[in-house]
Amino acid sequence: MSTDLTTMRCRPLEGHAPMDADEIARHLPLVPGWALVDGAIEKHFAFPDFHRTIGFVNAVAWIANAEDHHPDLRVGYGGCTVRYNTHSVRGISINDFICAARIDALVAA
């Protein structure tokens, strides 16, 4: 398993099975701060104001469109919760972890 998810690209997964619990458990440490919550992985990102939150949301939208893999977002004044699962596999896939890692790299920059 590649540990640098940021170098990977999302791919179509129609017809594939979702990750099982062991696979998810092996991948979660690769994206610190992300948690398994109700069938998805999610993480909250805090910002000091709405302007910076929306800047983050726009950057996440750019990543989502580039990877053709789109999260659910919960946006507020001081932060955004990003939630990923893969509808085509009806669960969690490698694409979710790839996008999570790309978002983490964005915030770390």
N, C-alpha and C. Protein backbone atom coordinates (compact mmCIF):
# COMPACT_ATOMS: atom_id res chain seq x y z
N MET A 1 0.85 -1.18 0.00
CA MET A 1 0.00 0.00 0.00
C MET A 1 0.89 1.24 0.00
N SER A 2 0.66 2.13 -0.94
CA SER A 2 1.39 3.39 -0.96
C SER A 2 0.97 4.23 0.24
N THR A 3 1.95 4.80 0.93
CA THR A 3 1.61 5.63 2.08
C THR A 3 1.50 7.09 1.70
N ASP A 4 1.88 7.46 0.47
CA ASP A 4 1.74 8.84 0.05
C ASP A 4 0.51 8.97 -0.84
N LEU A 5 -0.61 9.13 -0.21
CA LEU A 5 -1.88 9.22 -0.92
C LEU A 5 -1.94 10.45 -1.82
N THR A 6 -1.16 11.48 -1.51
CA THR A 6 -1.21 12.71 -2.31
C THR A 6 -0.67 12.51 -3.72
N THR A 7 0.06 11.45 -3.96
CA THR A 7 0.59 11.19 -5.30
C THR A 7 -0.36 10.33 -6.13
N MET A 8 -1.42 9.84 -5.50
CA MET A 8 -2.37 8.98 -6.19
C MET A 8 -3.50 9.82 -6.78
N ARG A 9 -4.21 9.26 -7.75
CA ARG A 9 -5.34 9.93 -8.38
C ARG A 9 -6.59 9.08 -8.17
N CYS A 10 -7.72 9.73 -8.02
CA CYS A 10 -8.99 9.01 -7.93
C CYS A 10 -9.30 8.38 -9.28
N ARG A 11 -10.03 7.27 -9.21
CA ARG A 11 -10.42 6.57 -10.43
C ARG A 11 -11.86 6.08 -10.29
N PRO A 12 -12.54 5.85 -11.39
CA PRO A 12 -13.90 5.33 -11.31
C PRO A 12 -13.92 3.97 -10.61
N LEU A 13 -14.89 3.77 -9.74
CA LEU A 13 -14.94 2.52 -8.96
C LEU A 13 -16.29 1.80 -9.08
N GLU A 14 -17.10 2.16 -10.05
CA GLU A 14 -18.37 1.48 -10.22
C GLU A 14 -18.13 -0.02 -10.33
N GLY A 15 -18.92 -0.79 -9.61
CA GLY A 15 -18.78 -2.24 -9.63
C GLY A 15 -17.78 -2.79 -8.62
N HIS A 16 -17.03 -1.93 -7.94
CA HIS A 16 -16.09 -2.37 -6.92
C HIS A 16 -16.77 -2.42 -5.56
N ALA A 17 -16.22 -3.21 -4.69
CA ALA A 17 -16.72 -3.29 -3.31
C ALA A 17 -16.12 -2.16 -2.48
N PRO A 18 -16.84 -1.72 -1.45
CA PRO A 18 -16.25 -0.73 -0.54
C PRO A 18 -15.14 -1.37 0.29
N MET A 19 -14.34 -0.53 0.90
CA MET A 19 -13.31 -1.03 1.82
C MET A 19 -13.99 -1.73 2.99
N ASP A 20 -13.35 -2.78 3.47
CA ASP A 20 -13.86 -3.41 4.68
C ASP A 20 -13.26 -2.71 5.91
N ALA A 21 -13.70 -3.11 7.07
CA ALA A 21 -13.28 -2.44 8.31
C ALA A 21 -11.76 -2.48 8.51
N ASP A 22 -11.13 -3.58 8.14
CA ASP A 22 -9.67 -3.68 8.29
C ASP A 22 -8.94 -2.72 7.35
N GLU A 23 -9.41 -2.61 6.12
CA GLU A 23 -8.79 -1.69 5.17
C GLU A 23 -8.94 -0.24 5.64
N ILE A 24 -10.12 0.10 6.13
CA ILE A 24 -10.35 1.45 6.64
C ILE A 24 -9.42 1.72 7.82
N ALA A 25 -9.31 0.76 8.72
CA ALA A 25 -8.44 0.92 9.89
C ALA A 25 -6.97 1.10 9.49
N ARG A 26 -6.54 0.45 8.42
CA ARG A 26 -5.16 0.60 7.94
C ARG A 26 -4.92 1.96 7.28
N HIS A 27 -5.95 2.52 6.68
CA HIS A 27 -5.81 3.79 5.98
C HIS A 27 -6.00 5.01 6.88
N LEU A 28 -6.80 4.92 7.91
CA LEU A 28 -7.06 6.10 8.77
C LEU A 28 -5.80 6.73 9.34
N PRO A 29 -4.80 5.96 9.79
CA PRO A 29 -3.59 6.61 10.30
C PRO A 29 -2.83 7.44 9.25
N LEU A 30 -3.12 7.20 7.99
CA LEU A 30 -2.45 7.95 6.92
C LEU A 30 -3.04 9.35 6.75
N VAL A 31 -4.20 9.59 7.35
CA VAL A 31 -4.85 10.91 7.28
C VAL A 31 -5.22 11.33 8.71
N PRO A 32 -4.22 11.80 9.46
CA PRO A 32 -4.45 12.16 10.86
C PRO A 32 -5.58 13.17 11.04
N GLY A 33 -6.40 12.91 12.05
CA GLY A 33 -7.51 13.81 12.35
C GLY A 33 -8.81 13.43 11.68
N TRP A 34 -8.75 12.59 10.68
CA TRP A 34 -9.96 12.11 10.02
C TRP A 34 -10.51 10.95 10.85
N ALA A 35 -11.82 10.86 10.93
CA ALA A 35 -12.45 9.83 11.74
C ALA A 35 -13.55 9.13 10.95
N LEU A 36 -13.78 7.90 11.27
CA LEU A 36 -14.88 7.15 10.71
C LEU A 36 -16.14 7.53 11.47
N VAL A 37 -17.11 8.10 10.77
CA VAL A 37 -18.36 8.55 11.39
C VAL A 37 -19.53 8.15 10.50
N ASP A 38 -20.35 7.24 10.99
CA ASP A 38 -21.58 6.86 10.28
C ASP A 38 -21.35 6.54 8.80
N GLY A 39 -20.40 5.68 8.51
CA GLY A 39 -20.20 5.22 7.15
C GLY A 39 -19.44 6.16 6.23
N ALA A 40 -18.75 7.12 6.81
CA ALA A 40 -17.94 8.06 6.02
C ALA A 40 -16.71 8.43 6.84
N ILE A 41 -15.73 9.06 6.18
CA ILE A 41 -14.63 9.66 6.93
C ILE A 41 -14.86 11.16 6.92
N GLU A 42 -14.57 11.79 8.06
CA GLU A 42 -14.78 13.22 8.13
C GLU A 42 -13.77 13.89 9.04
N LYS A 43 -13.62 15.19 8.81
CA LYS A 43 -12.71 15.99 9.61
C LYS A 43 -13.23 17.43 9.63
N HIS A 44 -13.08 18.08 10.79
CA HIS A 44 -13.45 19.48 10.92
C HIS A 44 -12.20 20.35 10.81
N PHE A 45 -12.28 21.39 10.02
CA PHE A 45 -11.20 22.36 9.84
C PHE A 45 -11.68 23.69 10.38
N ALA A 46 -10.95 24.25 11.35
CA ALA A 46 -11.33 25.52 11.98
C ALA A 46 -10.54 26.68 11.37
N PHE A 47 -11.20 27.82 11.24
CA PHE A 47 -10.60 29.03 10.70
C PHE A 47 -11.04 30.22 11.53
N PRO A 48 -10.25 31.30 11.53
CA PRO A 48 -10.56 32.44 12.40
C PRO A 48 -11.73 33.30 11.92
N ASP A 49 -12.14 33.14 10.66
CA ASP A 49 -13.23 33.97 10.17
C ASP A 49 -13.88 33.31 8.95
N PHE A 50 -15.00 33.88 8.53
CA PHE A 50 -15.76 33.32 7.42
C PHE A 50 -14.99 33.43 6.10
N HIS A 51 -14.28 34.50 5.91
CA HIS A 51 -13.53 34.71 4.68
C HIS A 51 -12.53 33.56 4.46
N ARG A 52 -11.79 33.20 5.48
CA ARG A 52 -10.82 32.11 5.35
C ARG A 52 -11.52 30.76 5.19
N THR A 53 -12.66 30.60 5.86
CA THR A 53 -13.43 29.36 5.69
C THR A 53 -13.85 29.20 4.24
N ILE A 54 -14.36 30.25 3.64
CA ILE A 54 -14.82 30.16 2.25
C ILE A 54 -13.64 29.96 1.29
N GLY A 55 -12.50 30.55 1.60
CA GLY A 55 -11.31 30.28 0.80
C GLY A 55 -10.96 28.80 0.81
N PHE A 56 -11.05 28.19 1.99
CA PHE A 56 -10.82 26.76 2.13
C PHE A 56 -11.85 25.97 1.32
N VAL A 57 -13.12 26.35 1.45
CA VAL A 57 -14.19 25.65 0.71
C VAL A 57 -13.92 25.72 -0.79
N ASN A 58 -13.52 26.87 -1.29
CA ASN A 58 -13.22 27.00 -2.72
C ASN A 58 -12.05 26.11 -3.12
N ALA A 59 -11.03 26.01 -2.28
CA ALA A 59 -9.89 25.14 -2.58
C ALA A 59 -10.32 23.68 -2.57
N VAL A 60 -11.18 23.29 -1.62
CA VAL A 60 -11.70 21.91 -1.58
C VAL A 60 -12.51 21.64 -2.85
N ALA A 61 -13.29 22.61 -3.29
CA ALA A 61 -14.08 22.44 -4.52
C ALA A 61 -13.16 22.21 -5.71
N TRP A 62 -12.04 22.91 -5.76
CA TRP A 62 -11.10 22.74 -6.85
C TRP A 62 -10.54 21.31 -6.85
N ILE A 63 -10.14 20.83 -5.67
CA ILE A 63 -9.63 19.45 -5.55
C ILE A 63 -10.71 18.46 -5.96
N ALA A 64 -11.93 18.66 -5.47
CA ALA A 64 -13.03 17.75 -5.77
C ALA A 64 -13.28 17.67 -7.28
N ASN A 65 -13.27 18.80 -7.95
CA ASN A 65 -13.50 18.79 -9.39
C ASN A 65 -12.33 18.17 -10.14
N ALA A 66 -11.11 18.44 -9.70
CA ALA A 66 -9.93 17.86 -10.35
C ALA A 66 -9.93 16.34 -10.23
N GLU A 67 -10.39 15.83 -9.09
CA GLU A 67 -10.40 14.38 -8.85
C GLU A 67 -11.74 13.74 -9.23
N ASP A 68 -12.71 14.54 -9.58
CA ASP A 68 -14.07 14.06 -9.87
C ASP A 68 -14.60 13.19 -8.72
N HIS A 69 -14.35 13.70 -7.51
CA HIS A 69 -14.80 13.01 -6.30
C HIS A 69 -15.18 14.09 -5.28
N HIS A 70 -16.44 14.16 -4.97
CA HIS A 70 -16.99 15.32 -4.26
C HIS A 70 -17.46 14.98 -2.85
N PRO A 71 -17.06 15.81 -1.88
CA PRO A 71 -17.45 15.57 -0.49
C PRO A 71 -18.76 16.25 -0.15
N ASP A 72 -19.27 15.92 1.01
CA ASP A 72 -20.33 16.71 1.64
C ASP A 72 -19.62 17.70 2.54
N LEU A 73 -20.07 18.94 2.53
CA LEU A 73 -19.46 19.99 3.33
C LEU A 73 -20.50 20.60 4.26
N ARG A 74 -20.10 20.85 5.49
CA ARG A 74 -20.92 21.60 6.44
C ARG A 74 -20.11 22.84 6.78
N VAL A 75 -20.60 23.99 6.34
CA VAL A 75 -19.85 25.24 6.41
C VAL A 75 -20.48 26.17 7.44
N GLY A 76 -19.63 26.76 8.27
CA GLY A 76 -20.08 27.76 9.24
C GLY A 76 -19.11 28.91 9.27
N TYR A 77 -19.35 29.86 10.13
CA TYR A 77 -18.53 31.07 10.21
C TYR A 77 -17.06 30.73 10.41
N GLY A 78 -16.77 29.86 11.35
CA GLY A 78 -15.38 29.60 11.72
C GLY A 78 -14.87 28.24 11.35
N GLY A 79 -15.47 27.59 10.37
CA GLY A 79 -14.95 26.30 10.00
C GLY A 79 -15.81 25.53 9.03
N CYS A 80 -15.29 24.39 8.65
CA CYS A 80 -15.95 23.52 7.69
C CYS A 80 -15.67 22.07 8.05
N THR A 81 -16.70 21.26 8.06
CA THR A 81 -16.53 19.82 8.22
C THR A 81 -16.63 19.19 6.84
N VAL A 82 -15.63 18.39 6.49
CA VAL A 82 -15.56 17.71 5.20
C VAL A 82 -15.86 16.24 5.45
N ARG A 83 -16.75 15.69 4.65
CA ARG A 83 -17.20 14.30 4.83
C ARG A 83 -17.14 13.58 3.49
N TYR A 84 -16.44 12.45 3.47
CA TYR A 84 -16.29 11.66 2.25
C TYR A 84 -16.80 10.24 2.43
N ASN A 85 -17.53 9.78 1.44
CA ASN A 85 -17.76 8.37 1.17
C ASN A 85 -18.00 8.26 -0.33
N THR A 86 -18.00 7.05 -0.84
CA THR A 86 -18.09 6.86 -2.28
C THR A 86 -19.44 6.24 -2.60
N HIS A 87 -20.30 7.05 -3.20
CA HIS A 87 -21.66 6.59 -3.48
C HIS A 87 -21.68 5.40 -4.43
N SER A 88 -20.77 5.36 -5.40
CA SER A 88 -20.79 4.28 -6.39
C SER A 88 -20.45 2.92 -5.79
N VAL A 89 -19.76 2.89 -4.63
CA VAL A 89 -19.47 1.60 -3.99
C VAL A 89 -20.31 1.41 -2.72
N ARG A 90 -21.10 2.43 -2.41
CA ARG A 90 -21.96 2.39 -1.21
C ARG A 90 -21.16 2.18 0.07
N GLY A 91 -20.07 2.94 0.16
CA GLY A 91 -19.22 2.86 1.34
C GLY A 91 -17.98 3.71 1.16
N ILE A 92 -16.94 3.33 1.83
CA ILE A 92 -15.68 4.08 1.79
C ILE A 92 -14.73 3.40 0.81
N SER A 93 -14.01 4.24 0.05
CA SER A 93 -13.06 3.72 -0.93
C SER A 93 -11.73 4.46 -0.81
N ILE A 94 -10.76 3.99 -1.57
CA ILE A 94 -9.46 4.64 -1.62
C ILE A 94 -9.60 6.09 -2.09
N ASN A 95 -10.56 6.38 -2.94
CA ASN A 95 -10.76 7.76 -3.42
C ASN A 95 -11.02 8.72 -2.26
N ASP A 96 -11.72 8.25 -1.24
CA ASP A 96 -12.00 9.10 -0.08
C ASP A 96 -10.70 9.46 0.64
N PHE A 97 -9.83 8.51 0.77
CA PHE A 97 -8.55 8.75 1.46
C PHE A 97 -7.61 9.61 0.61
N ILE A 98 -7.63 9.43 -0.69
CA ILE A 98 -6.82 10.26 -1.57
C ILE A 98 -7.23 11.73 -1.42
N CYS A 99 -8.52 12.00 -1.48
CA CYS A 99 -8.99 13.38 -1.36
C CYS A 99 -8.74 13.94 0.03
N ALA A 100 -8.90 13.12 1.06
CA ALA A 100 -8.61 13.57 2.42
C ALA A 100 -7.14 14.00 2.53
N ALA A 101 -6.24 13.20 1.98
CA ALA A 101 -4.81 13.53 2.04
C ALA A 101 -4.50 14.80 1.26
N ARG A 102 -5.15 14.99 0.13
CA ARG A 102 -4.93 16.20 -0.66
C ARG A 102 -5.42 17.44 0.08
N ILE A 103 -6.53 17.32 0.79
CA ILE A 103 -7.05 18.45 1.56
C ILE A 103 -6.11 18.74 2.73
N ASP A 104 -5.63 17.70 3.41
CA ASP A 104 -4.67 17.92 4.49
C ASP A 104 -3.41 18.62 3.98
N ALA A 105 -2.93 18.23 2.80
CA ALA A 105 -1.74 18.87 2.22
C ALA A 105 -2.01 20.34 1.91
N LEU A 106 -3.21 20.63 1.49
CA LEU A 106 -3.60 22.01 1.20
C LEU A 106 -3.50 22.87 2.47
N VAL A 107 -4.01 22.36 3.57
CA VAL A 107 -4.01 23.11 4.83
C VAL A 107 -2.59 23.22 5.39
N ALA A 108 -1.78 22.21 5.17
CA ALA A 108 -0.40 22.21 5.70
C ALA A 108 0.50 23.18 4.93
N ALA A 109 0.10 23.53 3.72
CA ALA A 109 0.95 24.40 2.87
C ALA A 109 1.02 25.82 3.39
